[in-house]
N, C-alpha and C. Protein backbone atom coordinates (compact mmCIF):
# COMPACT_ATOMS: atom_id res chain seq x y z
N MET A 1 -61.69 -7.44 -89.59
CA MET A 1 -60.13 -7.44 -89.09
C MET A 1 -59.87 -7.42 -88.02
N ASN A 2 -60.68 -6.00 -87.14
CA ASN A 2 -60.53 -5.53 -85.63
C ASN A 2 -60.86 -6.21 -85.04
N THR A 3 -61.70 -6.57 -85.27
CA THR A 3 -62.70 -7.44 -84.18
C THR A 3 -61.83 -9.11 -83.63
N ILE A 4 -60.98 -9.42 -84.73
CA ILE A 4 -60.30 -10.95 -84.92
C ILE A 4 -58.99 -10.60 -83.67
N ILE A 5 -58.53 -9.67 -84.24
CA ILE A 5 -57.62 -8.93 -83.48
C ILE A 5 -57.98 -8.46 -81.46
N ILE A 6 -58.67 -7.79 -81.83
CA ILE A 6 -59.40 -8.08 -80.09
C ILE A 6 -59.64 -9.45 -79.51
N ALA A 7 -60.36 -10.20 -80.39
CA ALA A 7 -60.76 -11.42 -79.87
C ALA A 7 -58.95 -12.10 -79.44
N ALA A 8 -58.42 -12.22 -80.28
CA ALA A 8 -56.69 -12.53 -80.47
C ALA A 8 -56.51 -12.07 -78.76
N LEU A 9 -56.54 -10.89 -78.59
CA LEU A 9 -55.99 -10.16 -77.48
C LEU A 9 -56.81 -10.64 -76.37
N ALA A 10 -57.78 -10.61 -75.87
CA ALA A 10 -58.51 -11.42 -74.54
C ALA A 10 -58.37 -12.32 -74.91
N ILE A 11 -58.08 -13.44 -75.67
CA ILE A 11 -57.75 -14.71 -75.26
C ILE A 11 -56.30 -15.12 -74.46
N LEU A 12 -55.41 -13.88 -75.31
CA LEU A 12 -54.52 -14.00 -74.59
C LEU A 12 -54.55 -13.54 -73.34
N VAL A 13 -55.11 -12.28 -72.91
CA VAL A 13 -55.37 -11.88 -71.69
C VAL A 13 -56.12 -13.16 -70.54
N LEU A 14 -56.42 -13.68 -71.08
CA LEU A 14 -57.75 -15.22 -69.95
C LEU A 14 -56.71 -16.17 -70.31
N ILE A 15 -55.67 -16.33 -70.92
CA ILE A 15 -54.98 -17.85 -70.57
C ILE A 15 -53.71 -16.47 -69.68
N VAL A 16 -53.52 -15.33 -69.43
CA VAL A 16 -52.81 -15.40 -68.78
C VAL A 16 -52.72 -15.25 -67.41
N LEU A 17 -54.26 -14.97 -67.29
CA LEU A 17 -54.92 -14.72 -65.91
C LEU A 17 -55.01 -16.35 -65.84
N ALA A 18 -55.33 -17.28 -66.48
CA ALA A 18 -55.31 -18.32 -66.43
C ALA A 18 -53.81 -19.43 -65.09
N VAL A 19 -53.47 -18.40 -65.57
CA VAL A 19 -51.42 -18.98 -65.65
C VAL A 19 -51.46 -18.84 -64.10
N ILE A 20 -51.74 -17.47 -64.12
CA ILE A 20 -51.82 -16.61 -62.59
C ILE A 20 -51.99 -17.35 -61.89
N PHE A 21 -53.74 -17.46 -61.99
CA PHE A 21 -54.19 -17.71 -60.64
C PHE A 21 -54.23 -19.47 -60.47
N GLY A 22 -53.71 -19.84 -61.49
CA GLY A 22 -53.79 -21.29 -60.97
C GLY A 22 -51.88 -21.52 -60.47
N ASN A 23 -51.47 -20.72 -60.65
CA ASN A 23 -49.97 -21.17 -59.53
C ASN A 23 -50.51 -20.46 -58.06
N LYS A 24 -51.60 -19.77 -58.18
CA LYS A 24 -51.55 -19.21 -57.08
C LYS A 24 -52.80 -20.15 -56.22
N GLY A 25 -53.28 -20.86 -56.50
CA GLY A 25 -54.37 -21.65 -56.82
C GLY A 25 -53.42 -22.66 -56.07
N ARG A 26 -52.60 -23.35 -56.93
CA ARG A 26 -51.31 -25.00 -56.41
C ARG A 26 -50.63 -24.14 -54.92
N ASP A 27 -49.91 -22.71 -54.62
CA ASP A 27 -49.80 -22.53 -54.02
C ASP A 27 -50.66 -22.71 -52.48
N PHE A 28 -51.71 -21.97 -52.36
CA PHE A 28 -52.15 -22.37 -51.48
C PHE A 28 -52.96 -24.01 -50.97
N ALA A 29 -53.02 -24.69 -51.57
CA ALA A 29 -53.32 -25.93 -51.30
C ALA A 29 -51.96 -26.58 -51.10
N ASN A 30 -50.98 -26.69 -51.72
CA ASN A 30 -49.80 -27.49 -51.03
C ASN A 30 -49.63 -26.47 -49.59
N ASN A 31 -49.83 -25.60 -48.96
CA ASN A 31 -49.96 -25.04 -47.75
C ASN A 31 -50.63 -25.01 -47.21
N THR A 32 -51.58 -25.65 -47.21
CA THR A 32 -53.01 -26.24 -46.46
C THR A 32 -52.87 -27.43 -45.83
N ARG A 33 -51.80 -28.04 -46.77
CA ARG A 33 -51.65 -29.83 -46.63
C ARG A 33 -50.13 -29.53 -45.58
N SER A 34 -49.74 -28.53 -45.07
CA SER A 34 -48.54 -29.00 -44.44
C SER A 34 -48.64 -29.15 -42.75
N CYS A 35 -48.06 -30.36 -42.28
CA CYS A 35 -48.23 -30.77 -40.64
C CYS A 35 -48.86 -29.92 -39.99
N GLU A 36 -48.33 -28.47 -40.01
CA GLU A 36 -48.43 -27.54 -38.67
C GLU A 36 -49.62 -27.47 -38.80
N ASN A 37 -50.22 -27.11 -40.13
CA ASN A 37 -51.72 -26.91 -40.01
C ASN A 37 -53.06 -27.63 -40.50
N LEU A 38 -52.60 -28.99 -40.02
CA LEU A 38 -52.99 -29.98 -39.75
C LEU A 38 -53.03 -30.10 -38.17
N GLY A 39 -52.64 -29.82 -37.33
CA GLY A 39 -52.30 -30.05 -36.21
C GLY A 39 -51.36 -30.46 -35.54
N GLY A 40 -50.02 -31.02 -36.35
CA GLY A 40 -49.37 -32.34 -36.07
C GLY A 40 -47.51 -31.48 -36.03
N GLU A 41 -47.28 -32.76 -35.89
CA GLU A 41 -46.03 -32.43 -35.53
C GLU A 41 -45.28 -33.55 -36.65
N CYS A 42 -43.47 -32.82 -37.02
CA CYS A 42 -42.57 -33.97 -37.77
C CYS A 42 -42.26 -34.70 -37.05
N LYS A 43 -42.59 -35.96 -36.76
CA LYS A 43 -41.47 -36.69 -36.07
C LYS A 43 -41.43 -38.10 -36.60
N SER A 44 -40.23 -38.74 -36.30
CA SER A 44 -39.44 -40.15 -36.61
C SER A 44 -40.56 -41.05 -36.62
N GLU A 45 -40.96 -41.18 -35.19
CA GLU A 45 -41.54 -41.87 -34.89
C GLU A 45 -42.61 -41.20 -34.42
N CYS A 46 -44.21 -41.94 -34.23
CA CYS A 46 -45.26 -41.51 -33.46
C CYS A 46 -45.79 -42.34 -32.13
N ASP A 47 -46.05 -41.98 -30.85
CA ASP A 47 -46.35 -42.34 -29.93
C ASP A 47 -47.68 -42.58 -30.61
N ALA A 48 -47.53 -44.35 -30.28
CA ALA A 48 -48.87 -44.73 -30.22
C ALA A 48 -50.19 -45.38 -29.83
N ASP A 49 -49.92 -44.68 -28.34
CA ASP A 49 -50.86 -44.21 -27.26
C ASP A 49 -51.38 -42.69 -27.53
N LEU A 50 -50.49 -41.94 -28.19
CA LEU A 50 -51.19 -40.72 -27.72
C LEU A 50 -51.30 -39.87 -29.48
N GLU A 51 -50.71 -40.64 -30.40
CA GLU A 51 -50.66 -39.41 -31.57
C GLU A 51 -50.99 -40.99 -32.70
N ARG A 52 -51.73 -40.29 -33.30
CA ARG A 52 -51.80 -41.05 -34.82
C ARG A 52 -51.17 -40.72 -36.52
N LYS A 53 -50.53 -41.41 -37.07
CA LYS A 53 -50.34 -41.16 -38.16
C LYS A 53 -51.06 -40.57 -39.20
N HIS A 54 -50.76 -38.87 -39.92
CA HIS A 54 -51.73 -38.72 -40.68
C HIS A 54 -51.05 -39.02 -41.72
N ILE A 55 -51.91 -39.98 -42.11
CA ILE A 55 -52.82 -40.63 -44.07
C ILE A 55 -52.63 -39.76 -45.13
N GLY A 56 -51.57 -39.10 -46.18
CA GLY A 56 -51.43 -38.42 -46.96
C GLY A 56 -50.26 -37.32 -47.27
N LYS A 57 -50.11 -36.89 -48.16
CA LYS A 57 -48.96 -35.87 -48.18
C LYS A 57 -49.23 -34.64 -47.50
N THR A 58 -48.02 -35.04 -46.79
CA THR A 58 -46.83 -33.58 -46.54
C THR A 58 -46.25 -32.99 -46.17
N ASN A 59 -45.75 -32.07 -46.13
CA ASN A 59 -44.41 -31.28 -45.85
C ASN A 59 -43.71 -32.28 -44.97
N CYS A 60 -43.18 -33.02 -44.32
CA CYS A 60 -42.89 -33.70 -42.98
C CYS A 60 -41.18 -34.33 -44.12
N GLY A 61 -41.65 -34.96 -45.04
CA GLY A 61 -40.49 -35.50 -45.89
C GLY A 61 -40.72 -36.80 -46.15
N ASP A 62 -40.19 -37.95 -46.41
CA ASP A 62 -39.94 -39.54 -45.87
C ASP A 62 -39.40 -39.84 -45.28
N VAL A 63 -38.47 -39.29 -44.65
CA VAL A 63 -38.14 -39.59 -43.07
C VAL A 63 -38.62 -39.95 -41.71
N SER A 64 -39.81 -39.11 -41.79
CA SER A 64 -40.20 -38.44 -40.48
C SER A 64 -42.00 -38.16 -41.40
N TYR A 65 -42.94 -38.94 -40.44
CA TYR A 65 -44.38 -38.71 -40.16
C TYR A 65 -44.81 -37.77 -39.76
N CYS A 66 -46.11 -36.96 -40.29
CA CYS A 66 -47.25 -36.20 -39.38
C CYS A 66 -47.79 -36.64 -38.03
N CYS A 67 -47.69 -36.37 -36.71
CA CYS A 67 -48.06 -37.19 -36.00
C CYS A 67 -49.01 -36.17 -35.41
N ILE A 68 -50.41 -36.56 -35.82
CA ILE A 68 -51.12 -35.53 -35.15
C ILE A 68 -51.98 -36.41 -33.17
N ARG A 69 -52.32 -35.61 -32.15
CA ARG A 69 -52.73 -36.11 -31.27
C ARG A 69 -53.84 -36.54 -31.55
N ILE A 70 -53.93 -37.37 -30.99
CA ILE A 70 -55.38 -37.43 -30.18
C ILE A 70 -56.17 -37.60 -29.14
N TYR A 71 -55.79 -36.53 -28.31
CA TYR A 71 -56.38 -35.79 -27.69
C TYR A 71 -55.71 -35.20 -26.71
N ASP A 72 -55.63 -33.97 -26.38
CA ASP A 72 -55.42 -32.95 -25.97
C ASP A 72 -54.93 -33.46 -23.64
N GLN A 73 -53.88 -33.40 -23.32
CA GLN A 73 -53.88 -33.55 -21.95
C GLN A 73 -53.88 -32.76 -21.32
């Protein structure tokens, strides 16, 4: 009987730890996708000669693009 109770508590602890670390991992992934971390800047339009649009999900929103400089001047 005691073995079943200990096993149930161990499973409960593992579930709680999985939820805690799962949320931390999601926050980390979202922060690494920010436009600033990619070396870009959120703008309504990118300069075609000097910048490119980042394709993918960033924190710029629907009305602006993450513009990343092609080279430094």
